[in-house]
């Protein structure tokens, strides 16, 4: 999958969306399976490794993947409870959602002003 230049979402969100879909479909992305390396994903999506890292960070904050520092990312078993979710990760995700909401509000206001 290549990044769609006409998609209003940033590339990392497009990648996160595609990976999210692939995780939900299972197959090679079934719970417990290791995801391809960041470099392999960057090559597959034709983007920078940093953009892939941003996408994986989003999926980790959603609880879809887990990471083992220096090793890899793995698809998380959806059956496991999130009760012991990292409060810092939850706070980071909330802050990100709030930033995105403010950005959308600014964009809508700009579009409405053009009228």
N, C-alpha and C. Protein backbone atom coordinates (compact mmCIF):
# COMPACT_ATOMS: atom_id res chain seq x y z
N UNK A 1 0.84 -1.18 0.00
CA UNK A 1 0.00 0.00 0.00
C UNK A 1 0.88 1.24 0.00
N UNK A 2 0.63 2.12 -0.90
CA UNK A 2 1.34 3.39 -0.94
C UNK A 2 0.48 4.45 -0.26
N UNK A 3 1.12 5.46 0.24
CA UNK A 3 0.43 6.56 0.89
C UNK A 3 -0.37 7.33 -0.17
N UNK A 4 -1.61 7.67 0.17
CA UNK A 4 -2.48 8.41 -0.74
C UNK A 4 -2.29 9.90 -0.49
N UNK A 5 -1.71 10.59 -1.47
CA UNK A 5 -1.45 12.03 -1.34
C UNK A 5 -2.74 12.84 -1.24
N UNK A 6 -3.86 12.29 -1.71
CA UNK A 6 -5.13 13.01 -1.66
C UNK A 6 -5.88 12.78 -0.34
N UNK A 7 -5.37 11.89 0.49
CA UNK A 7 -5.99 11.62 1.79
C UNK A 7 -5.61 12.76 2.73
N UNK A 8 -6.60 13.38 3.40
CA UNK A 8 -6.28 14.51 4.28
C UNK A 8 -5.52 14.10 5.54
N UNK A 9 -5.52 12.80 5.85
CA UNK A 9 -4.81 12.34 7.05
C UNK A 9 -3.30 12.33 6.81
N UNK A 10 -2.52 12.60 7.86
CA UNK A 10 -1.07 12.49 7.73
C UNK A 10 -0.68 11.05 7.38
N UNK A 11 0.48 10.86 6.74
CA UNK A 11 0.90 9.51 6.36
C UNK A 11 0.93 8.51 7.52
N UNK A 12 1.37 8.94 8.71
CA UNK A 12 1.43 7.98 9.81
C UNK A 12 0.04 7.48 10.19
N UNK A 13 -0.99 8.33 10.06
CA UNK A 13 -2.35 7.89 10.36
C UNK A 13 -2.88 6.94 9.29
N UNK A 14 -2.47 7.16 8.04
CA UNK A 14 -2.87 6.24 6.98
C UNK A 14 -2.25 4.86 7.22
N UNK A 15 -0.98 4.84 7.60
CA UNK A 15 -0.30 3.57 7.89
C UNK A 15 -0.95 2.90 9.10
N UNK A 16 -1.21 3.67 10.15
CA UNK A 16 -1.85 3.11 11.34
C UNK A 16 -3.20 2.52 10.99
N UNK A 17 -3.95 3.19 10.16
CA UNK A 17 -5.27 2.71 9.74
C UNK A 17 -5.15 1.39 8.98
N UNK A 18 -4.19 1.31 8.07
CA UNK A 18 -4.01 0.07 7.30
C UNK A 18 -3.55 -1.07 8.21
N UNK A 19 -2.60 -0.80 9.10
CA UNK A 19 -2.14 -1.84 10.02
C UNK A 19 -3.27 -2.28 10.96
N UNK A 20 -4.06 -1.32 11.42
CA UNK A 20 -5.21 -1.62 12.28
C UNK A 20 -6.17 -2.59 11.57
N UNK A 21 -6.44 -2.30 10.30
CA UNK A 21 -7.32 -3.17 9.50
C UNK A 21 -6.72 -4.56 9.38
N UNK A 22 -5.43 -4.63 9.09
CA UNK A 22 -4.76 -5.91 8.91
C UNK A 22 -4.72 -6.71 10.21
N UNK A 23 -4.58 -6.02 11.33
CA UNK A 23 -4.59 -6.69 12.64
C UNK A 23 -5.97 -7.26 12.90
N UNK A 24 -7.00 -6.48 12.62
CA UNK A 24 -8.37 -6.96 12.87
C UNK A 24 -8.74 -8.13 11.96
N UNK A 25 -8.14 -8.19 10.76
CA UNK A 25 -8.40 -9.30 9.84
C UNK A 25 -7.68 -10.56 10.28
N UNK A 26 -6.64 -10.42 11.08
CA UNK A 26 -5.89 -11.60 11.54
C UNK A 26 -4.86 -12.03 10.52
N UNK A 27 -4.81 -13.32 10.23
CA UNK A 27 -3.82 -13.84 9.28
C UNK A 27 -2.42 -13.66 9.82
N UNK A 28 -1.57 -13.03 9.01
CA UNK A 28 -0.18 -12.81 9.41
C UNK A 28 -0.07 -11.85 10.59
N UNK A 29 -1.13 -11.10 10.83
CA UNK A 29 -1.15 -10.12 11.92
C UNK A 29 -2.04 -10.60 13.07
N UNK A 30 -2.04 -11.88 13.32
CA UNK A 30 -2.85 -12.46 14.40
C UNK A 30 -2.19 -12.17 15.76
N UNK A 31 -2.97 -12.25 16.85
CA UNK A 31 -2.40 -12.01 18.18
C UNK A 31 -1.16 -12.85 18.45
N UNK A 32 -0.15 -12.18 18.98
CA UNK A 32 1.11 -12.85 19.30
C UNK A 32 2.12 -12.82 18.18
N UNK A 33 1.68 -12.53 16.97
CA UNK A 33 2.61 -12.51 15.83
C UNK A 33 3.46 -11.25 15.85
N UNK A 34 4.66 -11.42 15.39
CA UNK A 34 5.60 -10.31 15.29
C UNK A 34 5.30 -9.52 14.02
N UNK A 35 5.26 -8.20 14.14
CA UNK A 35 5.09 -7.35 12.97
C UNK A 35 6.41 -7.26 12.21
N UNK A 36 6.36 -6.95 10.93
CA UNK A 36 7.61 -6.73 10.19
C UNK A 36 8.40 -5.60 10.86
N UNK A 37 9.69 -5.57 10.58
CA UNK A 37 10.54 -4.53 11.16
C UNK A 37 10.10 -3.15 10.67
N UNK A 38 10.53 -2.14 11.40
CA UNK A 38 10.22 -0.77 11.01
C UNK A 38 10.77 -0.48 9.62
N UNK A 39 11.97 -0.95 9.34
CA UNK A 39 12.56 -0.73 8.01
C UNK A 39 11.75 -1.42 6.92
N UNK A 40 11.30 -2.65 7.21
CA UNK A 40 10.51 -3.39 6.21
C UNK A 40 9.18 -2.68 5.96
N UNK A 41 8.55 -2.19 7.03
CA UNK A 41 7.28 -1.47 6.86
C UNK A 41 7.50 -0.15 6.11
N UNK A 42 8.61 0.53 6.42
CA UNK A 42 8.91 1.79 5.72
C UNK A 42 9.08 1.53 4.23
N UNK A 43 9.74 0.44 3.89
CA UNK A 43 9.92 0.10 2.48
C UNK A 43 8.58 -0.26 1.84
N UNK A 44 7.77 -1.05 2.56
CA UNK A 44 6.46 -1.47 2.05
C UNK A 44 5.56 -0.27 1.76
N UNK A 45 5.53 0.69 2.68
CA UNK A 45 4.66 1.86 2.53
C UNK A 45 5.33 3.02 1.79
N UNK A 46 6.62 2.86 1.49
CA UNK A 46 7.38 3.89 0.79
C UNK A 46 7.41 5.20 1.57
N UNK A 47 7.73 5.08 2.86
CA UNK A 47 7.80 6.23 3.75
C UNK A 47 9.04 6.10 4.63
N UNK A 48 9.28 7.11 5.45
CA UNK A 48 10.44 7.09 6.33
C UNK A 48 10.18 6.18 7.54
N UNK A 49 11.25 5.64 8.12
CA UNK A 49 11.10 4.83 9.34
C UNK A 49 10.45 5.62 10.49
N UNK A 50 10.72 6.93 10.56
CA UNK A 50 10.12 7.75 11.62
C UNK A 50 8.60 7.78 11.49
N UNK A 51 8.10 7.84 10.26
CA UNK A 51 6.65 7.84 10.04
C UNK A 51 6.06 6.51 10.49
N UNK A 52 6.75 5.40 10.22
CA UNK A 52 6.29 4.08 10.69
C UNK A 52 6.29 4.06 12.21
N UNK A 53 7.32 4.59 12.83
CA UNK A 53 7.37 4.62 14.30
C UNK A 53 6.19 5.39 14.88
N UNK A 54 5.82 6.49 14.23
CA UNK A 54 4.67 7.27 14.69
C UNK A 54 3.39 6.45 14.58
N UNK A 55 3.24 5.71 13.49
CA UNK A 55 2.05 4.86 13.31
C UNK A 55 2.02 3.77 14.38
N UNK A 56 3.15 3.15 14.63
CA UNK A 56 3.21 2.08 15.63
C UNK A 56 2.97 2.62 17.04
N UNK A 57 3.44 3.83 17.30
CA UNK A 57 3.19 4.46 18.60
C UNK A 57 1.69 4.62 18.82
N UNK A 58 0.99 5.04 17.76
CA UNK A 58 -0.46 5.21 17.85
C UNK A 58 -1.14 3.86 18.14
N UNK A 59 -0.72 2.81 17.46
CA UNK A 59 -1.30 1.49 17.68
C UNK A 59 -0.97 0.96 19.07
N UNK A 60 0.22 1.27 19.56
CA UNK A 60 0.59 0.85 20.91
C UNK A 60 -0.28 1.58 21.94
N UNK A 61 -0.53 2.86 21.71
CA UNK A 61 -1.36 3.63 22.64
C UNK A 61 -2.80 3.12 22.63
N UNK A 62 -3.24 2.58 21.51
CA UNK A 62 -4.58 2.01 21.42
C UNK A 62 -4.65 0.61 22.01
N UNK A 63 -3.50 0.03 22.31
CA UNK A 63 -3.47 -1.31 22.87
C UNK A 63 -3.53 -2.42 21.84
N UNK A 64 -3.31 -2.10 20.56
CA UNK A 64 -3.34 -3.13 19.52
C UNK A 64 -2.02 -3.86 19.37
N UNK A 65 -0.94 -3.19 19.70
CA UNK A 65 0.38 -3.82 19.62
C UNK A 65 1.14 -3.55 20.91
N UNK A 66 2.11 -4.40 21.15
CA UNK A 66 3.03 -4.19 22.27
C UNK A 66 4.43 -4.17 21.69
N UNK A 67 5.33 -3.51 22.37
CA UNK A 67 6.70 -3.46 21.88
C UNK A 67 7.64 -3.97 22.95
N UNK A 68 8.69 -4.55 22.48
CA UNK A 68 9.77 -4.98 23.35
C UNK A 68 11.00 -4.22 22.88
N UNK A 69 11.42 -3.27 23.69
CA UNK A 69 12.48 -2.36 23.28
C UNK A 69 13.69 -3.12 22.75
N UNK A 70 14.13 -2.69 21.59
CA UNK A 70 15.28 -3.31 20.97
C UNK A 70 14.97 -4.60 20.24
N UNK A 71 13.73 -5.08 20.35
CA UNK A 71 13.36 -6.33 19.70
C UNK A 71 12.40 -6.11 18.56
N UNK A 72 11.14 -5.88 18.89
CA UNK A 72 10.14 -5.80 17.84
C UNK A 72 8.80 -5.37 18.40
N UNK A 73 7.84 -5.24 17.48
CA UNK A 73 6.44 -5.00 17.83
C UNK A 73 5.68 -6.29 17.59
N UNK A 74 4.74 -6.58 18.49
CA UNK A 74 3.92 -7.77 18.39
C UNK A 74 2.46 -7.39 18.47
N UNK A 75 1.60 -8.15 17.79
CA UNK A 75 0.16 -7.93 17.88
C UNK A 75 -0.27 -8.38 19.26
N UNK A 76 -0.97 -7.53 19.95
CA UNK A 76 -1.43 -7.81 21.31
C UNK A 76 -2.64 -8.73 21.28
N UNK A 77 -2.71 -9.59 22.26
CA UNK A 77 -3.86 -10.48 22.40
C UNK A 77 -5.02 -9.65 22.93
N UNK A 78 -6.05 -9.48 22.10
CA UNK A 78 -7.20 -8.64 22.47
C UNK A 78 -7.93 -9.17 23.69
N UNK A 79 -7.76 -10.43 24.01
CA UNK A 79 -8.43 -11.02 25.17
C UNK A 79 -7.84 -10.60 26.49
N UNK A 80 -6.64 -10.04 26.47
CA UNK A 80 -6.01 -9.61 27.72
C UNK A 80 -6.57 -8.27 28.15
N UNK A 81 -6.75 -8.10 29.43
CA UNK A 81 -7.33 -6.88 29.98
C UNK A 81 -6.38 -5.70 29.83
N UNK A 82 -6.96 -4.53 29.65
CA UNK A 82 -6.18 -3.30 29.59
C UNK A 82 -6.15 -2.59 30.94
N UNK A 83 -6.64 -3.24 31.97
CA UNK A 83 -6.74 -2.61 33.28
C UNK A 83 -5.43 -2.08 33.79
N UNK A 84 -4.34 -2.70 33.39
CA UNK A 84 -3.05 -2.23 33.86
C UNK A 84 -2.34 -1.42 32.77
N UNK A 85 -3.15 -0.69 31.98
CA UNK A 85 -2.58 0.17 30.94
C UNK A 85 -1.73 1.26 31.59
N UNK A 86 -0.70 1.63 30.90
CA UNK A 86 0.23 2.65 31.38
C UNK A 86 -0.49 4.00 31.41
N UNK A 87 -0.64 4.60 32.60
CA UNK A 87 -1.34 5.89 32.69
C UNK A 87 -0.66 6.98 31.85
N UNK A 88 0.65 6.93 31.73
CA UNK A 88 1.35 7.93 30.92
C UNK A 88 0.97 7.78 29.45
N UNK A 89 0.84 6.54 28.98
CA UNK A 89 0.45 6.30 27.58
C UNK A 89 -0.97 6.78 27.34
N UNK A 90 -1.85 6.56 28.31
CA UNK A 90 -3.24 7.02 28.18
C UNK A 90 -3.27 8.55 28.13
N UNK A 91 -2.48 9.18 29.00
CA UNK A 91 -2.43 10.65 29.02
C UNK A 91 -1.85 11.18 27.72
N UNK A 92 -0.82 10.52 27.18
CA UNK A 92 -0.24 10.93 25.90
C UNK A 92 -1.27 10.83 24.79
N UNK A 93 -2.02 9.74 24.76
CA UNK A 93 -3.03 9.54 23.72
C UNK A 93 -4.12 10.60 23.83
N UNK A 94 -4.55 10.90 25.05
CA UNK A 94 -5.57 11.92 25.26
C UNK A 94 -5.06 13.28 24.78
N UNK A 95 -3.82 13.61 25.09
CA UNK A 95 -3.24 14.87 24.65
C UNK A 95 -3.20 14.93 23.12
N UNK A 96 -2.85 13.81 22.49
CA UNK A 96 -2.81 13.77 21.03
C UNK A 96 -4.20 13.99 20.44
N UNK A 97 -5.21 13.36 21.01
CA UNK A 97 -6.59 13.52 20.53
C UNK A 97 -7.03 14.97 20.69
N UNK A 98 -6.68 15.58 21.81
CA UNK A 98 -7.04 16.98 22.03
C UNK A 98 -6.35 17.89 21.02
N UNK A 99 -5.08 17.62 20.69
CA UNK A 99 -4.36 18.42 19.68
C UNK A 99 -5.04 18.28 18.32
N UNK A 100 -5.39 17.04 17.97
CA UNK A 100 -6.03 16.81 16.69
C UNK A 100 -7.40 17.48 16.62
N UNK A 101 -8.14 17.50 17.72
CA UNK A 101 -9.43 18.17 17.76
C UNK A 101 -9.26 19.67 17.57
N UNK A 102 -8.28 20.26 18.25
CA UNK A 102 -8.03 21.70 18.08
C UNK A 102 -7.65 22.01 16.63
N UNK A 103 -6.82 21.15 16.03
CA UNK A 103 -6.42 21.35 14.63
C UNK A 103 -7.64 21.29 13.72
N UNK A 104 -8.53 20.33 13.95
CA UNK A 104 -9.74 20.22 13.14
C UNK A 104 -10.64 21.44 13.32
N UNK A 105 -10.75 21.91 14.55
CA UNK A 105 -11.58 23.09 14.81
C UNK A 105 -11.02 24.30 14.06
N UNK A 106 -9.71 24.44 14.04
CA UNK A 106 -9.07 25.54 13.33
C UNK A 106 -9.32 25.43 11.83
N UNK A 107 -9.18 24.21 11.30
CA UNK A 107 -9.41 24.00 9.87
C UNK A 107 -10.85 24.28 9.48
N UNK A 108 -11.81 23.84 10.30
CA UNK A 108 -13.22 24.08 10.02
C UNK A 108 -13.52 25.58 10.06
N UNK A 109 -12.99 26.25 11.07
CA UNK A 109 -13.20 27.70 11.17
C UNK A 109 -12.64 28.42 9.95
N UNK A 110 -11.48 27.99 9.49
CA UNK A 110 -10.87 28.58 8.31
C UNK A 110 -11.73 28.36 7.07
N UNK A 111 -12.25 27.16 6.92
CA UNK A 111 -13.10 26.86 5.78
C UNK A 111 -14.41 27.65 5.83
N UNK A 112 -14.98 27.78 7.03
CA UNK A 112 -16.21 28.54 7.18
C UNK A 112 -15.99 30.01 6.90
N UNK A 113 -14.82 30.53 7.25
CA UNK A 113 -14.51 31.94 7.02
C UNK A 113 -14.41 32.24 5.52
N UNK A 114 -13.97 31.25 4.75
CA UNK A 114 -13.88 31.43 3.29
C UNK A 114 -15.25 31.50 2.66
N UNK A 115 -16.22 30.84 3.35
CA UNK A 115 -17.61 30.84 3.06
C UNK A 115 -18.09 30.61 1.73
